[in-house]
């Protein structure tokens, strides 16, 4: 009987131990697992939030949106989203020298700026205007829903415009009067002829050369962020008769800028936009092949002159022909630039991978790559005009040839020398 009681005690003890394990330890383990899962989910959400904060982008410019020539100049804000995320703005803070800190909230919800959008926060939203007779300056600050803050790149006031537009007039002639005029294009901007004048919708300067040495002159205007045209009218000094007239295409001013005007230009508006495609290497280049599979880099640049409006959807076509070589890897025959600003230059590299088809023939010459890079389309951002003919561009194409030479070890008087074998169409 005693032995049977001992066996029963052991069984009961084991059962109690198993009950403790299942009743306490396993639920505790499951609880710890659930805590870890919740922690990782929250950490991932926090990481995603921080990544979105880092990738949030806004360009903010304070400018004038109306009231030129009246007792009230209305303030507005131009916002551009160059990033990849939509930005929601619940609150706008306005720092005014006259009124102090002002807070504006959207009456119909947050202001949402989608990627690539340029939006104007209207005077009706800001509810702020300048009295030209009272000095005041304004800076705007945006607070986004993700917690970022973006401050306008400029401070603005009726007599405190942020940017200088310098105009260099060339090739003037004695006996004529030159009138240069800067005028707003679009719904926002402001111009003043000097720092003491209240800004207006346009500004003018007159130039009268006195001697033959007065061929060039530099004049300046103070401007707010906006789009402008610059015109130069030439009058006979004695009779006052208009001799010639020239107006530039709209120019976007978001910083200090210098524009050159040739006073000897004719009346007509230029048919070609100053979009230029330029090579950054010689049109005829020699490359030594180090391997049977060789990648050749062809760098080039696309630039837009200052006397233009911004362009969108600039398309480029690439044609390549090979001689004595095989194409080692396919390349994209077309490329697109989403947006290019006046005065901006876009650099790119065309990569062509070729394969030597010589095989075991050590006497075979190298090969050549003939390429043509051509502008085929562009759309003006402000007027919306589409250019699809190469005659509409100033420098629409580049043509070049790359000669690839093979290295053939040649033995001369028991000495081995590398001998270049090249094939080219150059004569």
Protein backbone atom coordinates (compact mmCIF):
# COMPACT_ATOMS: atom_id res chain seq x y z
CA UNK A 1 0.00 0.00 0.00
CA UNK A 2 2.80 2.41 0.78
CA UNK A 3 4.36 1.88 -2.64
CA UNK A 4 1.06 2.58 -4.35
CA UNK A 5 0.66 5.82 -2.37
CA UNK A 6 4.14 6.98 -3.46
CA UNK A 7 3.32 6.34 -7.11
CA UNK A 8 0.07 8.27 -6.80
CA UNK A 9 1.93 11.20 -5.18
CA UNK A 10 4.37 11.37 -8.09
CA UNK A 11 1.52 11.41 -10.58
CA UNK A 12 -0.29 14.13 -8.67
CA UNK A 13 2.91 16.24 -8.48
CA UNK A 14 3.45 15.93 -12.22
CA UNK A 15 -0.14 16.92 -12.90
CA UNK A 16 0.24 19.99 -10.67
CA UNK A 17 3.47 21.01 -12.49
CA UNK A 18 1.82 20.67 -15.88
CA UNK A 19 -1.13 22.70 -14.68
CA UNK A 20 1.24 25.49 -13.59
CA UNK A 21 2.97 25.44 -16.99
CA UNK A 22 -0.25 25.60 -18.98
CA UNK A 23 -2.04 28.01 -16.67
CA UNK A 24 0.76 30.56 -16.10
CA UNK A 25 3.83 30.21 -18.28
CA UNK A 26 2.20 29.62 -21.67
CA UNK A 27 -0.28 32.53 -21.35
CA UNK A 28 2.60 34.71 -20.19
CA UNK A 29 4.59 33.68 -23.27
CA UNK A 30 1.65 34.47 -25.55
CA UNK A 31 1.21 37.82 -23.85
CA UNK A 32 4.88 38.70 -24.40
CA UNK A 33 4.57 37.71 -28.06
CA UNK A 34 1.56 39.95 -28.52
CA UNK A 35 3.41 42.85 -26.86
CA UNK A 36 6.35 42.38 -29.20
CA UNK A 37 4.02 42.32 -32.22
CA UNK A 38 2.33 45.53 -31.09
CA UNK A 39 5.72 47.16 -30.50
CA UNK A 40 6.97 46.24 -33.99
CA UNK A 41 3.78 47.51 -35.61
CA UNK A 42 4.03 50.81 -33.78
CA UNK A 43 7.74 51.06 -34.63
CA UNK A 44 6.94 50.50 -38.32
CA UNK A 45 4.22 53.15 -38.23
CA UNK A 46 6.60 55.57 -36.58
CA UNK A 47 9.32 54.83 -39.13
CA UNK A 48 6.86 55.36 -41.99
CA UNK A 49 5.78 58.66 -40.43
CA UNK A 50 9.39 59.86 -40.08
CA UNK A 51 10.19 58.87 -43.68
CA UNK A 52 7.20 60.85 -44.90
CA UNK A 53 8.28 63.85 -42.83
CA UNK A 54 11.77 63.71 -44.34
CA UNK A 55 10.40 63.45 -47.90
CA UNK A 56 7.92 66.30 -47.54
CA UNK A 57 8.88 69.29 -49.71
CA UNK A 58 7.40 72.73 -50.32
CA UNK A 59 8.66 75.92 -51.98
CA UNK A 60 6.83 78.97 -50.61
CA UNK A 61 6.92 82.48 -52.09
CA UNK A 62 5.04 85.53 -50.79
CA UNK A 63 3.91 87.94 -53.49
CA UNK A 64 1.24 90.47 -54.56
CA UNK A 65 -2.01 89.29 -56.19
CA UNK A 66 -3.88 92.47 -57.03
CA UNK A 67 -4.72 96.01 -56.03
CA UNK A 68 -1.98 97.58 -58.16
CA UNK A 69 -2.41 101.34 -58.29
CA UNK A 70 -5.01 101.39 -55.48
CA UNK A 71 -4.91 101.93 -51.72
CA UNK A 72 -4.77 98.17 -51.03
CA UNK A 73 -2.17 95.73 -52.32
CA UNK A 74 -3.38 92.19 -51.70
CA UNK A 75 -0.95 89.60 -50.39
CA UNK A 76 -1.00 86.01 -51.64
CA UNK A 77 1.31 83.00 -51.44
CA UNK A 78 2.57 80.84 -54.29
CA UNK A 79 3.25 77.25 -53.21
CA UNK A 80 5.02 74.60 -55.30
CA UNK A 81 5.34 70.96 -54.28
CA UNK A 82 8.48 69.45 -55.87
CA UNK A 83 8.28 66.30 -53.74
CA UNK A 84 6.59 62.93 -54.13
CA UNK A 85 4.02 63.26 -51.34
CA UNK A 86 0.86 65.32 -51.04
CA UNK A 87 1.15 68.01 -48.36
CA UNK A 88 -1.78 69.07 -46.18
CA UNK A 89 -1.62 72.53 -44.60
CA UNK A 90 -4.14 73.12 -41.81
CA UNK A 91 -2.74 76.44 -40.60
CA UNK A 92 -0.86 79.41 -42.05
CA UNK A 93 1.06 81.82 -39.80
CA UNK A 94 1.67 85.35 -41.08
CA UNK A 95 4.38 87.45 -39.46
CA UNK A 96 3.52 91.08 -40.15
CA UNK A 97 5.63 94.04 -39.02
CA UNK A 98 2.43 96.09 -38.64
CA UNK A 99 -0.12 93.55 -37.33
CA UNK A 100 2.11 91.06 -35.52
CA UNK A 101 1.39 87.34 -35.74
CA UNK A 102 -1.75 86.39 -37.68
CA UNK A 103 -3.20 82.89 -37.94
CA UNK A 104 -5.25 81.72 -40.91
CA UNK A 105 -7.11 78.41 -41.18
CA UNK A 106 -8.86 77.01 -44.25
CA UNK A 107 -12.59 77.63 -44.18
CA UNK A 108 -13.25 74.52 -46.29
CA UNK A 109 -10.66 72.25 -44.66
CA UNK A 110 -6.91 71.94 -45.12
CA UNK A 111 -5.01 73.28 -48.11
CA UNK A 112 -3.75 70.20 -49.98
CA UNK A 113 -0.81 70.52 -52.40
CA UNK A 114 -0.34 67.41 -54.55
CA UNK A 115 3.09 66.47 -56.04
CA UNK A 116 4.08 68.77 -58.89
CA UNK A 117 1.26 71.24 -58.21
CA UNK A 118 1.74 75.00 -58.14
CA UNK A 119 -1.05 76.62 -56.13
CA UNK A 120 -1.86 80.18 -55.19
CA UNK A 121 -3.20 80.79 -51.69
CA UNK A 122 -5.53 83.64 -52.59
CA UNK A 123 -6.00 86.99 -50.81
CA UNK A 124 -9.46 85.78 -49.78
CA UNK A 125 -7.80 83.02 -47.74
CA UNK A 126 -5.07 85.23 -46.23
CA UNK A 127 -7.32 88.27 -45.63
CA UNK A 128 -4.34 90.65 -45.60
CA UNK A 129 -3.50 93.72 -47.66
CA UNK A 130 -0.88 96.48 -47.68
CA UNK A 131 -1.61 100.17 -47.38
CA UNK A 132 0.97 101.79 -49.68
CA UNK A 133 1.21 104.75 -47.34
CA UNK A 134 2.29 102.63 -44.37
CA UNK A 135 5.47 100.57 -44.26
CA UNK A 136 4.87 96.90 -43.61
CA UNK A 137 6.63 93.62 -44.35
CA UNK A 138 5.26 90.08 -44.32
CA UNK A 139 6.71 86.60 -44.00
CA UNK A 140 4.56 83.46 -44.20
CA UNK A 141 5.07 80.13 -42.42
CA UNK A 142 3.25 76.88 -43.20
CA UNK A 143 2.77 74.09 -40.63
CA UNK A 144 1.88 70.74 -42.24
CA UNK A 145 -0.08 67.84 -40.76
CA UNK A 146 3.15 65.83 -40.61
CA UNK A 147 4.68 68.45 -38.33
CA UNK A 148 7.05 70.12 -40.79
CA UNK A 149 7.30 73.87 -41.11
CA UNK A 150 8.08 75.73 -44.35
CA UNK A 151 8.90 79.44 -44.33
CA UNK A 152 8.54 81.63 -47.40
CA UNK A 153 11.81 82.23 -49.20
CA UNK A 154 11.26 85.97 -49.18
CA UNK A 155 9.94 88.87 -47.10
CA UNK A 156 7.72 91.28 -49.00
CA UNK A 157 6.32 94.76 -48.52
CA UNK A 158 4.89 97.51 -50.75
CA UNK A 159 8.34 99.15 -50.85
CA UNK A 160 10.37 96.08 -49.98
CA UNK A 161 10.35 93.72 -52.96
CA UNK A 162 12.72 90.78 -52.54
CA UNK A 163 14.38 90.31 -55.94
CA UNK A 164 16.40 92.41 -58.37
CA UNK A 165 15.75 92.11 -62.09
CA UNK A 166 18.78 93.56 -63.86
CA UNK A 167 18.49 94.28 -67.59
CA UNK A 168 21.61 94.78 -69.71
CA UNK A 169 20.79 96.74 -72.88
CA UNK A 170 23.39 96.27 -75.61
CA UNK A 171 24.18 98.00 -78.93
CA UNK A 172 22.39 101.33 -78.43
CA UNK A 173 22.84 104.13 -80.96
CA UNK A 174 23.10 107.90 -80.49
CA UNK A 175 20.03 109.76 -81.72
CA UNK A 176 17.50 107.31 -80.35
CA UNK A 177 15.58 106.96 -77.11
CA UNK A 178 15.14 103.51 -75.58
CA UNK A 179 12.21 102.73 -73.31
CA UNK A 180 12.45 99.48 -71.34
CA UNK A 181 9.27 98.17 -69.72
CA UNK A 182 8.75 95.29 -67.29
CA UNK A 183 5.14 94.11 -67.01
CA UNK A 184 3.35 91.39 -65.04
CA UNK A 185 2.04 88.34 -66.89
CA UNK A 186 -0.56 86.33 -65.00
CA UNK A 187 -2.29 86.86 -61.68
CA UNK A 188 0.59 87.70 -59.36
CA UNK A 189 3.73 89.86 -59.20
CA UNK A 190 4.72 93.49 -58.63
CA UNK A 191 7.33 95.90 -60.05
CA UNK A 192 9.00 99.02 -58.67
CA UNK A 193 11.53 101.19 -60.44
CA UNK A 194 13.45 101.99 -57.24
CA UNK A 195 13.40 101.17 -53.54
CA UNK A 196 11.30 104.22 -52.61
CA UNK A 197 8.43 103.61 -55.02
CA UNK A 198 5.32 101.60 -54.18
CA UNK A 199 5.23 98.63 -56.51
CA UNK A 200 2.91 98.61 -59.52
CA UNK A 201 1.78 96.24 -62.28
CA UNK A 202 4.58 97.53 -64.52
CA UNK A 203 7.71 99.68 -64.43
CA UNK A 204 9.65 101.61 -67.06
CA UNK A 205 13.10 103.10 -67.57
CA UNK A 206 14.26 105.43 -70.35
CA UNK A 207 17.77 105.43 -71.79
CA UNK A 208 19.22 108.15 -74.03
CA UNK A 209 22.81 107.52 -75.19
CA UNK A 210 24.81 110.77 -75.32
CA UNK A 211 27.96 109.63 -77.11
CA UNK A 212 29.07 106.75 -79.30
CA UNK A 213 30.62 105.18 -76.21
CA UNK A 214 27.22 104.84 -74.53
CA UNK A 215 26.39 101.62 -76.34
CA UNK A 216 25.59 99.54 -73.26
CA UNK A 217 23.61 100.30 -70.10
CA UNK A 218 22.49 98.36 -67.04
CA UNK A 219 19.15 99.14 -65.40
CA UNK A 220 17.47 97.43 -62.46
CA UNK A 221 13.93 96.85 -61.24
CA UNK A 222 12.77 95.48 -57.91
CA UNK A 223 10.24 92.69 -58.44
CA UNK A 224 8.11 90.26 -56.45
CA UNK A 225 7.89 86.55 -57.35
CA UNK A 226 5.94 86.24 -60.57
CA UNK A 227 6.03 86.04 -64.38
CA UNK A 228 7.04 89.07 -66.42
CA UNK A 229 7.64 90.21 -69.96
CA UNK A 230 10.37 92.70 -70.82
CA UNK A 231 9.93 94.97 -73.82
CA UNK A 232 12.18 97.56 -75.41
CA UNK A 233 10.79 100.28 -77.66
CA UNK A 234 13.16 102.41 -79.75
CA UNK A 235 12.08 105.94 -80.67
CA UNK A 236 13.67 108.55 -82.90
CA UNK A 237 14.90 111.20 -80.47
CA UNK A 238 13.99 114.17 -82.66
CA UNK A 239 10.60 113.09 -84.03
CA UNK A 240 9.48 110.70 -81.27
CA UNK A 241 8.46 108.16 -83.92
CA UNK A 242 8.56 104.47 -82.96
CA UNK A 243 11.38 102.79 -84.88
CA UNK A 244 11.38 99.25 -83.52
CA UNK A 245 9.84 97.18 -80.75
CA UNK A 246 10.75 93.87 -79.13
CA UNK A 247 9.14 91.88 -76.30
CA UNK A 248 10.54 88.81 -74.62
CA UNK A 249 8.64 85.66 -73.83
CA UNK A 250 7.32 85.44 -70.24
CA UNK A 251 10.10 85.05 -67.69
CA UNK A 252 9.54 83.51 -64.27
CA UNK A 253 11.39 85.37 -61.53
CA UNK A 254 11.91 83.47 -58.27
CA UNK A 255 15.36 84.90 -57.50
CA UNK A 256 17.70 87.68 -58.57
CA UNK A 257 18.06 87.60 -62.36
CA UNK A 258 19.99 89.28 -65.17
CA UNK A 259 18.48 89.56 -68.68
CA UNK A 260 20.34 90.78 -71.76
CA UNK A 261 18.52 92.75 -74.46
CA UNK A 262 20.02 93.53 -77.84
CA UNK A 263 18.76 96.96 -78.88
CA UNK A 264 19.49 96.17 -82.52
CA UNK A 265 16.91 93.34 -82.63
CA UNK A 266 14.06 93.62 -85.10
CA UNK A 267 10.41 94.04 -84.24
CA UNK A 268 9.30 90.41 -84.68
CA UNK A 269 8.92 87.96 -81.83
CA UNK A 270 11.48 85.14 -82.17
CA UNK A 271 9.91 81.99 -83.57
CA UNK A 272 12.42 79.71 -81.88
CA UNK A 273 12.49 79.12 -78.14
CA UNK A 274 16.04 79.23 -76.68
CA UNK A 275 16.19 75.50 -75.92
CA UNK A 276 19.66 74.24 -76.73
CA UNK A 277 21.04 70.70 -76.95
CA UNK A 278 24.83 70.64 -76.59
CA UNK A 279 27.44 67.87 -76.43
CA UNK A 280 29.95 67.92 -73.58
CA UNK A 281 32.50 65.80 -75.50
CA UNK A 282 33.97 66.15 -78.95
CA UNK A 283 31.70 65.09 -81.81
CA UNK A 284 34.43 62.67 -82.85
CA UNK A 285 35.95 60.68 -79.99
CA UNK A 286 38.25 57.66 -79.85
CA UNK A 287 37.76 55.00 -77.17
CA UNK A 288 40.01 51.99 -76.54
CA UNK A 289 38.09 48.75 -75.91
CA UNK A 290 39.40 47.03 -72.81
CA UNK A 291 36.96 44.11 -72.93
CA UNK A 292 34.78 42.35 -75.47
CA UNK A 293 31.78 44.02 -73.82
CA UNK A 294 32.32 47.77 -73.48
CA UNK A 295 30.01 50.54 -72.17
CA UNK A 296 30.53 53.95 -73.76
CA UNK A 297 29.29 57.10 -71.97
CA UNK A 298 28.08 59.99 -74.13
CA UNK A 299 27.36 63.02 -71.91
CA UNK A 300 25.25 65.91 -73.16
CA UNK A 301 23.45 68.97 -71.79
CA UNK A 302 20.10 70.66 -72.42
CA UNK A 303 19.80 74.33 -71.47
CA UNK A 304 16.97 76.84 -71.62
CA UNK A 305 17.82 80.51 -72.15
CA UNK A 306 16.65 83.21 -69.78
CA UNK A 307 14.39 84.84 -72.38
CA UNK A 308 11.77 82.12 -72.19
CA UNK A 309 9.01 80.77 -70.01
CA UNK A 310 9.40 77.43 -68.18
CA UNK A 311 8.97 74.33 -70.31
CA UNK A 312 7.30 71.01 -69.47
CA UNK A 313 7.38 67.53 -71.03
CA UNK A 314 10.59 68.05 -73.01
CA UNK A 315 11.08 64.88 -75.08
CA UNK A 316 14.35 63.65 -76.54
CA UNK A 317 14.84 60.99 -79.23
CA UNK A 318 18.05 58.97 -79.52
CA UNK A 319 19.17 57.16 -82.70
CA UNK A 320 22.26 54.93 -82.70
CA UNK A 321 23.88 52.97 -85.54
CA UNK A 322 26.81 50.55 -85.17
CA UNK A 323 29.58 49.54 -87.54
CA UNK A 324 31.74 46.51 -86.80
CA UNK A 325 30.07 46.05 -83.41
CA UNK A 326 27.00 44.41 -81.93
CA UNK A 327 24.63 46.03 -79.43
CA UNK A 328 25.37 44.43 -76.07
CA UNK A 329 22.41 45.81 -74.14
CA UNK A 330 19.21 47.55 -75.14
CA UNK A 331 18.83 51.25 -74.32
CA UNK A 332 15.83 53.56 -74.04
CA UNK A 333 15.43 55.42 -77.37
CA UNK A 334 13.45 58.29 -75.82
CA UNK A 335 13.78 60.37 -72.67
CA UNK A 336 11.58 63.02 -71.06
CA UNK A 337 12.36 66.00 -68.82
CA UNK A 338 9.29 66.89 -66.76
CA UNK A 339 10.20 70.57 -66.22
CA UNK A 340 13.05 72.97 -67.03
CA UNK A 341 13.28 76.59 -65.91
CA UNK A 342 14.76 79.59 -67.75
CA UNK A 343 18.52 79.67 -67.17
CA UNK A 344 18.56 76.02 -66.04
CA UNK A 345 20.81 73.33 -67.55
CA UNK A 346 19.98 69.62 -67.44
CA UNK A 347 22.86 67.15 -67.70
CA UNK A 348 22.45 63.52 -68.77
CA UNK A 349 24.56 60.63 -70.01
CA UNK A 350 23.67 58.25 -72.84
CA UNK A 351 25.17 54.83 -72.14
CA UNK A 352 25.70 52.48 -75.10
CA UNK A 353 26.92 48.95 -74.38
CA UNK A 354 28.55 47.28 -77.41
CA UNK A 355 30.03 43.84 -78.03
CA UNK A 356 33.11 43.20 -80.13
CA UNK A 357 32.30 40.77 -82.93
CA UNK A 358 35.91 40.04 -83.86
CA UNK A 359 35.97 36.59 -82.29
CA UNK A 360 39.35 34.91 -82.95
CA UNK A 361 40.19 37.25 -85.81
CA UNK A 362 43.04 39.28 -84.33
CA UNK A 363 43.42 41.33 -87.51
CA UNK A 364 39.90 42.72 -87.43
CA UNK A 365 39.64 46.45 -86.95
CA UNK A 366 37.56 47.99 -84.19
CA UNK A 367 34.18 49.58 -84.81
CA UNK A 368 32.28 52.83 -84.52
CA UNK A 369 29.10 54.22 -82.98
CA UNK A 370 27.22 56.96 -84.78
CA UNK A 371 24.62 58.71 -82.65
CA UNK A 372 22.03 61.44 -83.03
CA UNK A 373 20.30 63.07 -80.03
CA UNK A 374 17.34 65.25 -80.99
CA UNK A 375 14.72 67.44 -79.30
CA UNK A 376 11.29 66.44 -80.60
CA UNK A 377 8.74 68.07 -78.28
CA UNK A 378 8.25 70.69 -75.56
CA UNK A 379 5.28 72.52 -74.02
CA UNK A 380 5.43 76.05 -72.59
CA UNK A 381 4.17 76.15 -69.00
CA UNK A 382 2.35 79.50 -69.05
CA UNK A 383 0.93 79.86 -72.58
CA UNK A 384 0.53 76.09 -73.11
CA UNK A 385 1.99 76.21 -76.63
CA UNK A 386 3.33 72.87 -77.90
CA UNK A 387 6.46 72.63 -80.05
CA UNK A 388 6.84 69.36 -81.97
CA UNK A 389 8.99 70.53 -84.89
CA UNK A 390 12.76 70.76 -84.52
CA UNK A 391 12.70 74.13 -86.32
CA UNK A 392 11.06 75.57 -83.19
CA UNK A 393 14.20 75.00 -81.10
CA UNK A 394 17.38 77.03 -81.24
CA UNK A 395 19.80 74.05 -81.17
CA UNK A 396 17.62 70.96 -81.68
CA UNK A 397 20.13 68.14 -82.22
CA UNK A 398 23.67 66.87 -81.89
CA UNK A 399 25.35 64.27 -84.10
CA UNK A 400 28.59 62.52 -83.24
CA UNK A 401 30.73 59.47 -83.77
CA UNK A 402 32.61 57.33 -81.28
CA UNK A 403 35.47 55.27 -82.72
CA UNK A 404 36.32 52.12 -80.75
CA UNK A 405 39.79 50.69 -81.22
CA UNK A 406 40.90 47.12 -80.44
CA UNK A 407 44.27 46.47 -78.82
CA UNK A 408 46.27 43.85 -80.75
CA UNK A 409 49.58 42.73 -79.16
CA UNK A 410 52.20 42.80 -81.95
CA UNK A 411 55.67 41.32 -81.72
CA UNK A 412 58.46 43.43 -83.22
CA UNK A 413 62.05 42.23 -82.81
CA UNK A 414 61.15 39.96 -79.91
CA UNK A 415 59.37 42.85 -78.16
CA UNK A 416 55.60 42.84 -77.77
CA UNK A 417 53.92 46.21 -78.43
CA UNK A 418 50.18 47.06 -78.22
CA UNK A 419 48.85 47.99 -81.64
CA UNK A 420 45.56 49.88 -81.96
CA UNK A 421 43.23 48.65 -84.70
CA UNK A 422 40.55 51.22 -85.51
CA UNK A 423 37.77 51.54 -88.06
CA UNK A 424 36.32 54.95 -88.70
CA UNK A 425 34.50 56.97 -91.33
CA UNK A 426 36.63 60.05 -90.61
CA UNK A 427 38.81 60.95 -93.61
